[in-house]
């Protein structure tokens, strides 16, 4: 496979645990660009391959890159006190 990339671009990715299969990973700025892996490292490697395939498809179909930054996803963790009466799964 010939590398056609002439400049670097930063893509945001989202990784979520997908029990019992491992991890689901996707690139929000590239619609439909998803992958998975049994480990986080494998999922990261697989999304890079998926992004490269996405770019090759754009070139083959003479399409341009979708507008980056239309959709932002932020993931944060919050500690929220819960009433003792509510039973949370452990």
C-alpha atoms as a PDB file:
ATOM      1  CA  UNK A   1       0.000   0.000   0.000  1.00  0.00           C
ATOM      2  CA  UNK A   2       1.495   3.311  -1.083  1.00  0.00           C
ATOM      3  CA  UNK A   3       1.414   6.070   1.490  1.00  0.00           C
ATOM      4  CA  UNK A   4      -0.258   9.139   0.012  1.00  0.00           C
ATOM      5  CA  UNK A   5      -0.238  11.345   3.095  1.00  0.00           C
ATOM      6  CA  UNK A   6       1.808  14.512   2.604  1.00  0.00           C
ATOM      7  CA  UNK A   7       0.788  16.370   5.766  1.00  0.00           C
ATOM      8  CA  UNK A   8      -0.161  15.506   9.312  1.00  0.00           C
ATOM      9  CA  UNK A   9      -3.630  16.046  10.688  1.00  0.00           C
ATOM     10  CA  UNK A  10      -4.913  15.530  14.216  1.00  0.00           C
ATOM     11  CA  UNK A  11      -8.111  13.511  14.554  1.00  0.00           C
ATOM     12  CA  UNK A  12      -9.979  13.159  17.830  1.00  0.00           C
ATOM     13  CA  UNK A  13     -10.997   9.611  18.653  1.00  0.00           C
ATOM     14  CA  UNK A  14     -13.399   8.180  21.198  1.00  0.00           C
ATOM     15  CA  UNK A  15     -12.730   4.894  22.955  1.00  0.00           C
ATOM     16  CA  UNK A  16     -15.342   3.133  25.046  1.00  0.00           C
ATOM     17  CA  UNK A  17     -15.326  -0.193  26.789  1.00  0.00           C
ATOM     18  CA  UNK A  18     -17.546  -2.724  25.032  1.00  0.00           C
ATOM     19  CA  UNK A  19     -17.899  -5.643  27.446  1.00  0.00           C
ATOM     20  CA  UNK A  20     -17.292  -8.497  26.883  1.00  0.00           C
ATOM     21  CA  UNK A  21     -15.712  -7.832  23.481  1.00  0.00           C
ATOM     22  CA  UNK A  22     -13.079  -5.238  24.362  1.00  0.00           C
ATOM     23  CA  UNK A  23     -13.194  -1.651  23.115  1.00  0.00           C
ATOM     24  CA  UNK A  24     -15.170   0.273  20.496  1.00  0.00           C
ATOM     25  CA  UNK A  25     -13.319   3.202  18.930  1.00  0.00           C
ATOM     26  CA  UNK A  26     -14.398   5.822  16.420  1.00  0.00           C
ATOM     27  CA  UNK A  27     -13.467   9.135  14.873  1.00  0.00           C
ATOM     28  CA  UNK A  28     -16.365  11.629  15.238  1.00  0.00           C
ATOM     29  CA  UNK A  29     -15.141  13.885  12.424  1.00  0.00           C
ATOM     30  CA  UNK A  30     -15.164  11.001   9.904  1.00  0.00           C
ATOM     31  CA  UNK A  31     -18.739   9.696   9.664  1.00  0.00           C
ATOM     32  CA  UNK A  32     -18.854   5.911   9.759  1.00  0.00           C
ATOM     33  CA  UNK A  33     -15.191   5.506  10.712  1.00  0.00           C
ATOM     34  CA  UNK A  34     -15.378   2.954  13.538  1.00  0.00           C
ATOM     35  CA  UNK A  35     -13.272   0.039  14.692  1.00  0.00           C
ATOM     36  CA  UNK A  36     -12.717  -2.153  17.731  1.00  0.00           C
ATOM     37  CA  UNK A  37     -10.076  -4.119  19.573  1.00  0.00           C
ATOM     38  CA  UNK A  38      -9.703  -6.492  22.481  1.00  0.00           C
ATOM     39  CA  UNK A  39      -7.304  -4.013  24.130  1.00  0.00           C
ATOM     40  CA  UNK A  40      -7.029  -0.216  24.008  1.00  0.00           C
ATOM     41  CA  UNK A  41      -3.720  -0.545  22.154  1.00  0.00           C
ATOM     42  CA  UNK A  42      -5.253  -2.853  19.544  1.00  0.00           C
ATOM     43  CA  UNK A  43      -8.257  -0.523  19.143  1.00  0.00           C
ATOM     44  CA  UNK A  44      -5.901   2.448  18.567  1.00  0.00           C
ATOM     45  CA  UNK A  45      -3.935   0.507  15.954  1.00  0.00           C
ATOM     46  CA  UNK A  46      -7.173  -0.526  14.246  1.00  0.00           C
ATOM     47  CA  UNK A  47      -8.603   3.012  14.118  1.00  0.00           C
ATOM     48  CA  UNK A  48      -5.409   4.258  12.467  1.00  0.00           C
ATOM     49  CA  UNK A  49      -5.895   1.605   9.784  1.00  0.00           C
ATOM     50  CA  UNK A  50      -9.574   2.589   9.485  1.00  0.00           C
ATOM     51  CA  UNK A  51      -8.670   6.285   9.085  1.00  0.00           C
ATOM     52  CA  UNK A  52      -6.066   5.419   6.437  1.00  0.00           C
ATOM     53  CA  UNK A  53      -8.687   3.341   4.591  1.00  0.00           C
ATOM     54  CA  UNK A  54     -11.163   6.217   4.873  1.00  0.00           C
ATOM     55  CA  UNK A  55      -8.623   8.580   3.293  1.00  0.00           C
ATOM     56  CA  UNK A  56      -7.871   6.120   0.486  1.00  0.00           C
ATOM     57  CA  UNK A  57     -11.609   5.854  -0.207  1.00  0.00           C
ATOM     58  CA  UNK A  58     -11.924   9.648  -0.377  1.00  0.00           C
ATOM     59  CA  UNK A  59      -9.070   9.793  -2.892  1.00  0.00           C
ATOM     60  CA  UNK A  60     -10.452   6.915  -4.975  1.00  0.00           C
ATOM     61  CA  UNK A  61     -13.895   8.563  -5.097  1.00  0.00           C
ATOM     62  CA  UNK A  62     -12.481  12.069  -5.689  1.00  0.00           C
ATOM     63  CA  UNK A  63     -14.121  13.383  -2.532  1.00  0.00           C
ATOM     64  CA  UNK A  64     -12.764  15.873  -0.050  1.00  0.00           C
ATOM     65  CA  UNK A  65     -12.355  15.484   3.677  1.00  0.00           C
ATOM     66  CA  UNK A  66     -15.554  16.167   5.644  1.00  0.00           C
ATOM     67  CA  UNK A  67     -15.570  19.505   7.448  1.00  0.00           C
ATOM     68  CA  UNK A  68     -13.591  18.931  10.626  1.00  0.00           C
ATOM     69  CA  UNK A  69     -14.918  20.275  13.898  1.00  0.00           C
ATOM     70  CA  UNK A  70     -18.628  20.204  13.089  1.00  0.00           C
ATOM     71  CA  UNK A  71     -19.184  17.926  16.035  1.00  0.00           C
ATOM     72  CA  UNK A  72     -17.246  18.116  19.279  1.00  0.00           C
ATOM     73  CA  UNK A  73     -17.386  15.351  21.865  1.00  0.00           C
ATOM     74  CA  UNK A  74     -16.071  15.919  25.364  1.00  0.00           C
ATOM     75  CA  UNK A  75     -15.786  13.162  27.912  1.00  0.00           C
ATOM     76  CA  UNK A  76     -15.393  14.004  31.559  1.00  0.00           C
ATOM     77  CA  UNK A  77     -15.789  12.130  34.800  1.00  0.00           C
ATOM     78  CA  UNK A  78     -17.779  13.599  37.654  1.00  0.00           C
ATOM     79  CA  UNK A  79     -18.081  12.428  41.232  1.00  0.00           C
ATOM     80  CA  UNK A  80     -21.678  13.017  42.231  1.00  0.00           C
ATOM     81  CA  UNK A  81     -22.903  12.188  45.728  1.00  0.00           C
ATOM     82  CA  UNK A  82     -25.771   9.695  45.627  1.00  0.00           C
ATOM     83  CA  UNK A  83     -28.408   9.172  48.317  1.00  0.00           C
ATOM     84  CA  UNK A  84     -27.742   6.056  50.345  1.00  0.00           C
ATOM     85  CA  UNK A  85     -31.197   4.716  49.428  1.00  0.00           C
ATOM     86  CA  UNK A  86     -30.121   4.249  45.799  1.00  0.00           C
ATOM     87  CA  UNK A  87     -28.347   0.954  45.162  1.00  0.00           C
ATOM     88  CA  UNK A  88     -25.684   1.252  42.484  1.00  0.00           C
ATOM     89  CA  UNK A  89     -24.264  -1.763  40.631  1.00  0.00           C
ATOM     90  CA  UNK A  90     -20.742  -2.639  41.653  1.00  0.00           C
END
